[in-house]
Amino acid sequence: TQGFLLPSIHAAPPFFTLQPNPTTQATLTAQWTRLILSYARHRQLFLLRVEDAETPGSDWDEIFRNERINRKLLASHLSTILADMVSKNLAVYEPVKQTSSVLLYWRTPDEWAEVLHSWAESTGQLNTILTFYDIIQPPVPSPLTGLPTTILRKAINTLAKTSRSQTIAVADGEGVRFLAGNTSKG
């Protein structure tokens, strides 16, 4: 994917190393978090693993390395950043009960719920039963293409709270029916 503009701090060697001063480190962690989330959104990436920091040619190479200044983000540093992101609900460990890979929330599950319902409405899918596969692997690419099932399920549950979705058992797993429902949040 073309067109991702790295922030100027990406050219600063201290950006790639843990800083001894907690205030400085907190600032850099916030900058890394913004960079990771904006890059993930730009490239439509959902999963980030600690080892991605040390895997040449990974989807994340562009942001975790800067060859011009001979710097790269170490896995241990990325692990610290991911823990901070999870603590702020900007990511969730996936699978649970481990700390080496996360699902990134460049949109929160509530924001995905709105995207999901708008998609169902705009494509004429209200009151139609769809499988999860129909939603995340549609024949025509959509903003939901490739969405991890974990996030999809959370978005559907959010919509169910306002009577805008109903989960239904279907032959090959789970399905959902989207309803006009109550759009007031409550």
N, C-alpha and C. Protein backbone atom coordinates (compact mmCIF):
# COMPACT_ATOMS: atom_id res chain seq x y z
N THR A 1 0.85 -1.18 0.00
CA THR A 1 0.00 0.00 0.00
C THR A 1 0.89 1.24 0.00
N GLN A 2 0.57 2.17 -0.82
CA GLN A 2 1.36 3.39 -0.92
C GLN A 2 0.73 4.50 -0.08
N GLY A 3 1.51 5.54 0.15
CA GLY A 3 0.96 6.75 0.71
C GLY A 3 0.96 6.88 2.21
N PHE A 4 1.65 6.01 2.95
CA PHE A 4 1.69 6.21 4.40
C PHE A 4 2.86 7.12 4.73
N LEU A 5 2.56 8.21 5.42
CA LEU A 5 3.58 9.19 5.76
C LEU A 5 4.04 8.96 7.20
N LEU A 6 5.31 8.61 7.35
CA LEU A 6 5.86 8.41 8.70
C LEU A 6 6.05 9.74 9.39
N PRO A 7 5.80 9.80 10.69
CA PRO A 7 6.02 11.06 11.42
C PRO A 7 7.52 11.37 11.51
N SER A 8 7.85 12.62 11.67
CA SER A 8 9.27 13.02 11.71
C SER A 8 10.03 12.35 12.85
N ILE A 9 9.36 12.05 13.95
CA ILE A 9 10.05 11.42 15.07
C ILE A 9 10.61 10.04 14.69
N HIS A 10 10.09 9.45 13.63
CA HIS A 10 10.57 8.14 13.16
C HIS A 10 12.04 8.21 12.74
N ALA A 11 12.54 9.40 12.47
CA ALA A 11 13.95 9.58 12.09
C ALA A 11 14.84 9.88 13.29
N ALA A 12 14.28 9.92 14.49
CA ALA A 12 15.05 10.22 15.70
C ALA A 12 15.46 8.91 16.39
N PRO A 13 16.77 8.65 16.51
CA PRO A 13 17.20 7.40 17.14
C PRO A 13 16.58 7.10 18.51
N PRO A 14 16.37 8.08 19.41
CA PRO A 14 15.79 7.75 20.71
C PRO A 14 14.37 7.17 20.63
N PHE A 15 13.68 7.41 19.52
CA PHE A 15 12.33 6.88 19.35
C PHE A 15 12.32 5.35 19.41
N PHE A 16 13.42 4.73 19.03
CA PHE A 16 13.50 3.27 18.92
C PHE A 16 14.02 2.58 20.17
N THR A 17 14.34 3.35 21.21
CA THR A 17 14.89 2.74 22.42
C THR A 17 14.08 3.13 23.65
N LEU A 18 14.02 2.21 24.61
CA LEU A 18 13.36 2.53 25.88
C LEU A 18 14.14 3.64 26.57
N GLN A 19 13.41 4.61 27.08
CA GLN A 19 14.05 5.76 27.72
C GLN A 19 14.01 5.59 29.24
N PRO A 20 15.09 5.97 29.93
CA PRO A 20 15.13 5.80 31.39
C PRO A 20 14.16 6.73 32.12
N ASN A 21 13.88 7.90 31.54
CA ASN A 21 12.97 8.84 32.18
C ASN A 21 11.53 8.41 31.90
N PRO A 22 10.74 8.11 32.96
CA PRO A 22 9.36 7.61 32.75
C PRO A 22 8.48 8.58 31.97
N THR A 23 8.65 9.88 32.18
CA THR A 23 7.83 10.87 31.46
C THR A 23 8.16 10.85 29.98
N THR A 24 9.45 10.81 29.66
CA THR A 24 9.88 10.74 28.26
C THR A 24 9.37 9.46 27.63
N GLN A 25 9.50 8.34 28.36
CA GLN A 25 9.06 7.06 27.82
C GLN A 25 7.55 7.05 27.60
N ALA A 26 6.78 7.65 28.50
CA ALA A 26 5.32 7.70 28.34
C ALA A 26 4.96 8.48 27.07
N THR A 27 5.67 9.55 26.81
CA THR A 27 5.44 10.34 25.60
C THR A 27 5.74 9.52 24.35
N LEU A 28 6.88 8.82 24.37
CA LEU A 28 7.25 8.00 23.21
C LEU A 28 6.27 6.83 23.01
N THR A 29 5.82 6.24 24.11
CA THR A 29 4.84 5.15 24.00
C THR A 29 3.55 5.67 23.36
N ALA A 30 3.12 6.85 23.75
CA ALA A 30 1.92 7.45 23.14
C ALA A 30 2.13 7.69 21.65
N GLN A 31 3.34 8.13 21.28
CA GLN A 31 3.64 8.36 19.86
C GLN A 31 3.69 7.04 19.08
N TRP A 32 4.28 6.00 19.69
CA TRP A 32 4.29 4.68 19.06
C TRP A 32 2.86 4.16 18.89
N THR A 33 2.03 4.36 19.90
CA THR A 33 0.64 3.89 19.84
C THR A 33 -0.09 4.56 18.67
N ARG A 34 0.06 5.87 18.55
CA ARG A 34 -0.58 6.60 17.43
C ARG A 34 -0.07 6.07 16.09
N LEU A 35 1.25 5.87 16.01
CA LEU A 35 1.85 5.39 14.76
C LEU A 35 1.32 3.98 14.41
N ILE A 36 1.31 3.08 15.39
CA ILE A 36 0.85 1.71 15.16
C ILE A 36 -0.61 1.70 14.71
N LEU A 37 -1.46 2.45 15.40
CA LEU A 37 -2.89 2.45 15.05
C LEU A 37 -3.15 3.10 13.69
N SER A 38 -2.47 4.19 13.39
CA SER A 38 -2.71 4.84 12.09
C SER A 38 -2.17 3.99 10.95
N TYR A 39 -1.03 3.33 11.17
CA TYR A 39 -0.47 2.45 10.15
C TYR A 39 -1.38 1.24 9.94
N ALA A 40 -1.86 0.66 11.03
CA ALA A 40 -2.76 -0.50 10.94
C ALA A 40 -4.02 -0.13 10.16
N ARG A 41 -4.57 1.04 10.45
CA ARG A 41 -5.78 1.48 9.74
C ARG A 41 -5.48 1.68 8.25
N HIS A 42 -4.35 2.31 7.95
CA HIS A 42 -3.95 2.56 6.56
C HIS A 42 -3.78 1.25 5.78
N ARG A 43 -3.18 0.25 6.41
CA ARG A 43 -2.90 -1.03 5.75
C ARG A 43 -3.96 -2.09 6.01
N GLN A 44 -5.00 -1.74 6.81
CA GLN A 44 -6.06 -2.70 7.16
C GLN A 44 -5.48 -3.92 7.88
N LEU A 45 -4.60 -3.66 8.85
CA LEU A 45 -3.99 -4.72 9.65
C LEU A 45 -4.70 -4.78 10.99
N PHE A 46 -4.93 -5.99 11.47
CA PHE A 46 -5.63 -6.16 12.75
C PHE A 46 -4.77 -6.83 13.81
N LEU A 47 -3.87 -7.70 13.39
CA LEU A 47 -3.08 -8.49 14.34
C LEU A 47 -1.65 -7.98 14.38
N LEU A 48 -1.12 -7.83 15.58
CA LEU A 48 0.28 -7.44 15.75
C LEU A 48 0.89 -8.38 16.78
N ARG A 49 1.99 -9.00 16.39
CA ARG A 49 2.71 -9.92 17.28
C ARG A 49 4.03 -9.30 17.69
N VAL A 50 4.48 -9.59 18.89
CA VAL A 50 5.75 -9.07 19.38
C VAL A 50 6.87 -9.42 18.40
N GLU A 51 6.85 -10.65 17.86
CA GLU A 51 7.94 -11.04 16.95
C GLU A 51 7.94 -10.26 15.64
N ASP A 52 6.85 -9.55 15.31
CA ASP A 52 6.84 -8.73 14.10
C ASP A 52 7.92 -7.66 14.13
N ALA A 53 8.34 -7.27 15.34
CA ALA A 53 9.41 -6.27 15.46
C ALA A 53 10.73 -6.82 14.94
N GLU A 54 10.89 -8.13 14.99
CA GLU A 54 12.18 -8.72 14.61
C GLU A 54 12.10 -9.56 13.34
N THR A 55 11.00 -9.44 12.60
CA THR A 55 10.83 -10.24 11.39
C THR A 55 11.02 -9.35 10.16
N PRO A 56 12.19 -9.41 9.52
CA PRO A 56 12.40 -8.61 8.31
C PRO A 56 11.36 -8.98 7.25
N GLY A 57 10.83 -7.97 6.61
CA GLY A 57 9.84 -8.20 5.56
C GLY A 57 8.43 -8.39 6.07
N SER A 58 8.20 -8.26 7.39
CA SER A 58 6.84 -8.39 7.92
C SER A 58 5.99 -7.20 7.46
N ASP A 59 4.69 -7.32 7.67
CA ASP A 59 3.78 -6.23 7.33
C ASP A 59 4.14 -4.94 8.06
N TRP A 60 4.86 -5.07 9.15
CA TRP A 60 5.16 -3.93 10.03
C TRP A 60 6.55 -3.36 9.83
N ASP A 61 7.33 -3.95 8.93
CA ASP A 61 8.71 -3.55 8.72
C ASP A 61 8.88 -2.04 8.53
N GLU A 62 7.99 -1.46 7.77
CA GLU A 62 8.09 -0.03 7.43
C GLU A 62 8.14 0.86 8.66
N ILE A 63 7.39 0.50 9.71
CA ILE A 63 7.40 1.38 10.89
C ILE A 63 8.37 0.91 11.98
N PHE A 64 8.67 -0.40 12.03
CA PHE A 64 9.53 -0.89 13.11
C PHE A 64 11.01 -0.81 12.78
N ARG A 65 11.35 -0.42 11.57
CA ARG A 65 12.76 -0.27 11.17
C ARG A 65 12.96 1.08 10.50
N ASN A 66 14.15 1.62 10.71
CA ASN A 66 14.57 2.78 9.94
C ASN A 66 16.02 2.54 9.57
N GLU A 67 16.21 2.04 8.36
CA GLU A 67 17.56 1.69 7.89
C GLU A 67 18.46 2.92 7.76
N ARG A 68 17.87 4.07 7.44
CA ARG A 68 18.68 5.29 7.26
C ARG A 68 19.45 5.65 8.52
N ILE A 69 18.83 5.40 9.69
CA ILE A 69 19.52 5.72 10.95
C ILE A 69 19.95 4.44 11.67
N ASN A 70 19.85 3.30 10.96
CA ASN A 70 20.28 2.00 11.51
C ASN A 70 19.61 1.69 12.85
N ARG A 71 18.30 1.84 12.89
CA ARG A 71 17.55 1.57 14.12
C ARG A 71 16.37 0.66 13.83
N LYS A 72 16.02 -0.14 14.85
CA LYS A 72 14.80 -0.94 14.77
C LYS A 72 14.24 -1.05 16.18
N LEU A 73 12.93 -1.27 16.25
CA LEU A 73 12.26 -1.43 17.53
C LEU A 73 12.51 -2.87 17.99
N LEU A 74 12.96 -3.03 19.22
CA LEU A 74 13.19 -4.37 19.76
C LEU A 74 11.86 -4.98 20.21
N ALA A 75 11.80 -6.31 20.17
CA ALA A 75 10.59 -7.01 20.58
C ALA A 75 10.22 -6.68 22.03
N SER A 76 11.21 -6.56 22.90
CA SER A 76 10.93 -6.25 24.31
C SER A 76 10.28 -4.88 24.46
N HIS A 77 10.71 -3.93 23.63
CA HIS A 77 10.13 -2.58 23.65
C HIS A 77 8.69 -2.64 23.11
N LEU A 78 8.49 -3.38 22.01
CA LEU A 78 7.15 -3.51 21.45
C LEU A 78 6.21 -4.16 22.48
N SER A 79 6.71 -5.14 23.21
CA SER A 79 5.91 -5.80 24.23
C SER A 79 5.40 -4.80 25.28
N THR A 80 6.27 -3.88 25.67
CA THR A 80 5.91 -2.82 26.63
C THR A 80 4.83 -1.91 26.04
N ILE A 81 4.98 -1.55 24.76
CA ILE A 81 4.00 -0.68 24.08
C ILE A 81 2.65 -1.40 23.99
N LEU A 82 2.67 -2.69 23.63
CA LEU A 82 1.41 -3.44 23.51
C LEU A 82 0.71 -3.54 24.85
N ALA A 83 1.47 -3.77 25.92
CA ALA A 83 0.86 -3.85 27.26
C ALA A 83 0.17 -2.53 27.59
N ASP A 84 0.80 -1.41 27.23
CA ASP A 84 0.21 -0.09 27.47
C ASP A 84 -1.07 0.08 26.64
N MET A 85 -1.04 -0.36 25.39
CA MET A 85 -2.21 -0.26 24.53
C MET A 85 -3.37 -1.09 25.08
N VAL A 86 -3.08 -2.29 25.56
CA VAL A 86 -4.11 -3.14 26.14
C VAL A 86 -4.70 -2.48 27.39
N SER A 87 -3.84 -1.88 28.20
CA SER A 87 -4.32 -1.23 29.44
C SER A 87 -5.23 -0.05 29.14
N LYS A 88 -5.11 0.53 27.94
CA LYS A 88 -5.93 1.68 27.54
C LYS A 88 -7.07 1.28 26.60
N ASN A 89 -7.33 -0.03 26.47
CA ASN A 89 -8.39 -0.55 25.59
C ASN A 89 -8.22 -0.14 24.13
N LEU A 90 -6.96 -0.02 23.70
CA LEU A 90 -6.68 0.27 22.29
C LEU A 90 -6.28 -1.01 21.56
N ALA A 91 -6.18 -2.09 22.34
CA ALA A 91 -5.87 -3.41 21.80
C ALA A 91 -6.33 -4.43 22.84
N VAL A 92 -6.41 -5.68 22.40
CA VAL A 92 -6.76 -6.77 23.31
C VAL A 92 -5.88 -7.96 22.95
N TYR A 93 -5.40 -8.67 23.99
CA TYR A 93 -4.58 -9.84 23.71
C TYR A 93 -5.42 -10.89 22.98
N GLU A 94 -4.86 -11.41 21.89
CA GLU A 94 -5.56 -12.40 21.08
C GLU A 94 -4.56 -13.42 20.60
N PRO A 95 -4.68 -14.70 20.96
CA PRO A 95 -5.72 -15.21 21.85
C PRO A 95 -5.49 -14.74 23.29
N VAL A 96 -6.51 -14.89 24.12
CA VAL A 96 -6.40 -14.46 25.52
C VAL A 96 -5.39 -15.34 26.24
N LYS A 97 -5.01 -14.95 27.42
CA LYS A 97 -4.07 -15.70 28.28
C LYS A 97 -2.67 -15.81 27.69
N GLN A 98 -2.26 -14.83 26.91
CA GLN A 98 -0.89 -14.71 26.44
C GLN A 98 -0.64 -13.22 26.20
N THR A 99 0.61 -12.81 26.07
CA THR A 99 0.92 -11.39 25.91
C THR A 99 1.84 -11.14 24.71
N SER A 100 1.82 -12.03 23.72
CA SER A 100 2.71 -11.84 22.59
C SER A 100 2.01 -11.41 21.30
N SER A 101 0.67 -11.41 21.29
CA SER A 101 -0.04 -10.91 20.11
C SER A 101 -1.34 -10.23 20.53
N VAL A 102 -1.67 -9.19 19.77
CA VAL A 102 -2.87 -8.40 20.08
C VAL A 102 -3.70 -8.18 18.82
N LEU A 103 -4.99 -7.96 19.07
CA LEU A 103 -5.89 -7.41 18.06
C LEU A 103 -5.89 -5.91 18.31
N LEU A 104 -5.68 -5.16 17.26
CA LEU A 104 -5.61 -3.70 17.39
C LEU A 104 -6.99 -3.07 17.20
N TYR A 105 -7.30 -2.13 18.05
CA TYR A 105 -8.56 -1.40 17.94
C TYR A 105 -8.32 -0.03 17.30
N TRP A 106 -7.99 -0.02 16.00
CA TRP A 106 -7.91 1.27 15.31
C TRP A 106 -9.31 1.81 15.08
N ARG A 107 -10.29 0.96 15.25
CA ARG A 107 -11.68 1.34 15.48
C ARG A 107 -12.10 0.51 16.68
N THR A 108 -12.84 1.10 17.60
CA THR A 108 -13.32 0.33 18.75
C THR A 108 -14.44 -0.60 18.28
N PRO A 109 -14.76 -1.63 19.07
CA PRO A 109 -15.90 -2.48 18.69
C PRO A 109 -17.19 -1.68 18.52
N ASP A 110 -17.39 -0.64 19.32
CA ASP A 110 -18.58 0.20 19.16
C ASP A 110 -18.56 0.94 17.82
N GLU A 111 -17.39 1.43 17.41
CA GLU A 111 -17.29 2.09 16.10
C GLU A 111 -17.51 1.07 14.97
N TRP A 112 -16.98 -0.14 15.15
CA TRP A 112 -17.22 -1.19 14.15
C TRP A 112 -18.71 -1.51 14.07
N ALA A 113 -19.40 -1.47 15.20
CA ALA A 113 -20.85 -1.73 15.20
C ALA A 113 -21.56 -0.75 14.27
N GLU A 114 -21.17 0.52 14.34
CA GLU A 114 -21.81 1.52 13.47
C GLU A 114 -21.46 1.29 12.00
N VAL A 115 -20.19 0.94 11.73
CA VAL A 115 -19.77 0.63 10.35
C VAL A 115 -20.56 -0.57 9.84
N LEU A 116 -20.69 -1.58 10.68
CA LEU A 116 -21.39 -2.81 10.33
C LEU A 116 -22.86 -2.54 10.00
N HIS A 117 -23.52 -1.78 10.86
CA HIS A 117 -24.94 -1.51 10.64
C HIS A 117 -25.13 -0.63 9.39
N SER A 118 -24.27 0.35 9.21
CA SER A 118 -24.36 1.20 8.01
C SER A 118 -24.16 0.38 6.75
N TRP A 119 -23.22 -0.57 6.79
CA TRP A 119 -22.98 -1.45 5.65
C TRP A 119 -24.23 -2.30 5.37
N ALA A 120 -24.81 -2.88 6.41
CA ALA A 120 -26.01 -3.72 6.23
C ALA A 120 -27.13 -2.90 5.62
N GLU A 121 -27.29 -1.67 6.11
CA GLU A 121 -28.35 -0.79 5.60
C GLU A 121 -28.09 -0.40 4.14
N SER A 122 -26.86 0.03 3.84
CA SER A 122 -26.55 0.55 2.50
C SER A 122 -26.51 -0.55 1.44
N THR A 123 -26.32 -1.80 1.86
CA THR A 123 -26.29 -2.90 0.88
C THR A 123 -27.61 -3.68 0.86
N GLY A 124 -28.62 -3.16 1.53
CA GLY A 124 -29.93 -3.80 1.51
C GLY A 124 -29.97 -5.12 2.26
N GLN A 125 -29.18 -5.24 3.33
CA GLN A 125 -29.11 -6.50 4.07
C GLN A 125 -29.95 -6.52 5.34
N LEU A 126 -30.72 -5.45 5.62
CA LEU A 126 -31.55 -5.48 6.82
C LEU A 126 -32.56 -6.62 6.70
N ASN A 127 -32.81 -7.31 7.79
CA ASN A 127 -33.75 -8.44 7.87
C ASN A 127 -33.32 -9.67 7.05
N THR A 128 -32.09 -9.69 6.59
CA THR A 128 -31.54 -10.84 5.88
C THR A 128 -30.60 -11.58 6.82
N ILE A 129 -30.64 -12.89 6.82
CA ILE A 129 -29.71 -13.65 7.67
C ILE A 129 -28.40 -13.81 6.91
N LEU A 130 -27.33 -13.36 7.53
CA LEU A 130 -25.99 -13.46 6.94
C LEU A 130 -25.11 -14.29 7.86
N THR A 131 -24.21 -15.08 7.27
CA THR A 131 -23.22 -15.76 8.10
C THR A 131 -22.09 -14.77 8.39
N PHE A 132 -21.29 -15.07 9.40
CA PHE A 132 -20.15 -14.22 9.70
C PHE A 132 -19.23 -14.16 8.47
N TYR A 133 -19.09 -15.29 7.77
CA TYR A 133 -18.26 -15.34 6.57
C TYR A 133 -18.78 -14.37 5.50
N ASP A 134 -20.11 -14.32 5.32
CA ASP A 134 -20.70 -13.39 4.34
C ASP A 134 -20.28 -11.95 4.62
N ILE A 135 -20.12 -11.63 5.89
CA ILE A 135 -19.81 -10.26 6.31
C ILE A 135 -18.33 -9.94 6.13
N ILE A 136 -17.47 -10.87 6.58
CA ILE A 136 -16.03 -10.55 6.57
C ILE A 136 -15.32 -10.98 5.29
N GLN A 137 -16.00 -11.75 4.44
CA GLN A 137 -15.46 -12.13 3.12
C GLN A 137 -16.53 -11.90 2.05
N PRO A 138 -17.01 -10.66 1.93
CA PRO A 138 -18.10 -10.42 0.98
C PRO A 138 -17.60 -10.51 -0.47
N PRO A 139 -18.53 -10.78 -1.42
CA PRO A 139 -18.12 -10.86 -2.83
C PRO A 139 -17.55 -9.53 -3.33
N VAL A 140 -18.06 -8.43 -2.81
CA VAL A 140 -17.55 -7.11 -3.16
C VAL A 140 -16.84 -6.58 -1.91
N PRO A 141 -15.54 -6.25 -2.01
CA PRO A 141 -14.83 -5.77 -0.82
C PRO A 141 -15.57 -4.62 -0.13
N SER A 142 -15.55 -4.66 1.18
CA SER A 142 -16.23 -3.63 1.98
C SER A 142 -15.29 -3.23 3.11
N PRO A 143 -15.68 -2.23 3.91
CA PRO A 143 -14.84 -1.86 5.06
C PRO A 143 -14.72 -3.01 6.07
N LEU A 144 -15.56 -4.03 5.95
CA LEU A 144 -15.56 -5.15 6.89
C LEU A 144 -14.73 -6.34 6.41
N THR A 145 -14.22 -6.27 5.19
CA THR A 145 -13.43 -7.37 4.64
C THR A 145 -12.24 -7.66 5.54
N GLY A 146 -12.12 -8.92 5.95
CA GLY A 146 -10.99 -9.34 6.78
C GLY A 146 -11.12 -9.03 8.26
N LEU A 147 -12.25 -8.46 8.66
CA LEU A 147 -12.44 -8.13 10.08
C LEU A 147 -12.37 -9.41 10.91
N PRO A 148 -11.53 -9.43 11.96
CA PRO A 148 -11.46 -10.64 12.79
C PRO A 148 -12.81 -10.94 13.45
N THR A 149 -13.12 -12.24 13.54
CA THR A 149 -14.40 -12.67 14.11
C THR A 149 -14.59 -12.14 15.53
N THR A 150 -13.51 -12.06 16.30
CA THR A 150 -13.61 -11.55 17.68
C THR A 150 -14.19 -10.14 17.70
N ILE A 151 -13.71 -9.29 16.81
CA ILE A 151 -14.20 -7.90 16.75
C ILE A 151 -15.63 -7.88 16.19
N LEU A 152 -15.87 -8.70 15.16
CA LEU A 152 -17.21 -8.78 14.57
C LEU A 152 -18.24 -9.16 15.64
N ARG A 153 -17.92 -10.17 16.43
CA ARG A 153 -18.85 -10.63 17.47
C ARG A 153 -19.13 -9.50 18.48
N LYS A 154 -18.09 -8.77 18.88
CA LYS A 154 -18.30 -7.65 19.82
C LYS A 154 -19.18 -6.57 19.20
N ALA A 155 -18.96 -6.29 17.92
CA ALA A 155 -19.78 -5.28 17.22
C ALA A 155 -21.24 -5.72 17.15
N ILE A 156 -21.45 -6.99 16.85
CA ILE A 156 -22.82 -7.52 16.78
C ILE A 156 -23.50 -7.45 18.15
N ASN A 157 -22.75 -7.77 19.20
CA ASN A 157 -23.31 -7.68 20.56
C ASN A 157 -23.67 -6.24 20.91
N THR A 158 -22.86 -5.29 20.46
CA THR A 158 -23.18 -3.88 20.69
C THR A 158 -24.49 -3.52 19.99
N LEU A 159 -24.66 -3.97 18.76
CA LEU A 159 -25.89 -3.69 18.02
C LEU A 159 -27.10 -4.36 18.66
N ALA A 160 -26.89 -5.54 19.24
CA ALA A 160 -28.00 -6.26 19.89
C ALA A 160 -28.55 -5.46 21.06
N LYS A 161 -27.69 -4.70 21.73
CA LYS A 161 -28.14 -3.90 22.89
C LYS A 161 -29.14 -2.82 22.50
N THR A 162 -29.10 -2.40 21.23
CA THR A 162 -30.07 -1.40 20.75
C THR A 162 -31.04 -2.02 19.75
N SER A 163 -31.22 -3.33 19.86
CA SER A 163 -32.17 -4.08 19.00
C SER A 163 -31.89 -3.89 17.51
N ARG A 164 -30.60 -3.78 17.15
CA ARG A 164 -30.26 -3.63 15.74
C ARG A 164 -29.61 -4.87 15.15
N SER A 165 -29.46 -5.91 15.98
CA SER A 165 -28.97 -7.19 15.44
C SER A 165 -29.51 -8.32 16.28
N GLN A 166 -29.52 -9.50 15.67
CA GLN A 166 -29.99 -10.70 16.35
C GLN A 166 -29.11 -11.84 15.85
N THR A 167 -28.42 -12.52 16.78
CA THR A 167 -27.58 -13.65 16.40
C THR A 167 -28.46 -14.88 16.21
N ILE A 168 -28.17 -15.63 15.16
CA ILE A 168 -28.99 -16.78 14.78
C ILE A 168 -28.06 -17.95 14.45
N ALA A 169 -28.42 -19.14 14.92
CA ALA A 169 -27.64 -20.34 14.56
C ALA A 169 -27.96 -20.69 13.11
N VAL A 170 -26.93 -20.93 12.32
CA VAL A 170 -27.10 -21.35 10.93
C VAL A 170 -26.32 -22.64 10.72
N ALA A 171 -26.55 -23.30 9.59
CA ALA A 171 -25.98 -24.62 9.33
C ALA A 171 -24.47 -24.68 9.56
N ASP A 172 -23.74 -23.68 9.10
CA ASP A 172 -22.28 -23.74 9.21
C ASP A 172 -21.72 -22.80 10.26
N GLY A 173 -22.45 -22.58 11.34
CA GLY A 173 -21.91 -21.76 12.42
C GLY A 173 -22.88 -20.72 12.91
N GLU A 174 -22.42 -19.48 12.90
CA GLU A 174 -23.23 -18.39 13.43
C GLU A 174 -23.67 -17.46 12.32
N GLY A 175 -24.84 -16.92 12.50
CA GLY A 175 -25.35 -15.95 11.56
C GLY A 175 -25.92 -14.77 12.32
N VAL A 176 -26.27 -13.76 11.58
CA VAL A 176 -26.82 -12.56 12.21
C VAL A 176 -27.86 -11.95 11.28
N ARG A 177 -28.88 -11.37 11.90
CA ARG A 177 -29.88 -10.60 11.15
C ARG A 177 -29.78 -9.18 11.66
N PHE A 178 -29.64 -8.23 10.75
CA PHE A 178 -29.60 -6.82 11.12
C PHE A 178 -30.98 -6.23 11.02
N LEU A 179 -31.34 -5.42 12.00
CA LEU A 179 -32.66 -4.82 12.08
C LEU A 179 -32.53 -3.32 12.12
N ALA A 180 -33.59 -2.62 11.71
CA ALA A 180 -33.57 -1.15 11.76
C ALA A 180 -33.33 -0.71 13.20
N GLY A 181 -34.08 -1.33 14.12
CA GLY A 181 -33.83 -1.16 15.56
C GLY A 181 -33.94 0.25 16.09
N ASN A 182 -33.48 0.36 17.32
CA ASN A 182 -33.53 1.62 18.05
C ASN A 182 -32.16 2.27 17.94
N THR A 183 -32.08 3.42 17.26
CA THR A 183 -30.78 4.04 17.05
C THR A 183 -30.33 4.89 18.23
N SER A 184 -31.19 5.13 19.19
CA SER A 184 -30.75 5.93 20.36
C SER A 184 -29.89 5.05 21.24
N LYS A 185 -28.79 5.60 21.67
CA LYS A 185 -27.86 4.85 22.51
C LYS A 185 -28.42 4.83 23.92
N GLY A 186 -28.32 3.67 24.57
CA GLY A 186 -28.87 3.70 25.87
C GLY A 186 -28.48 2.61 26.74
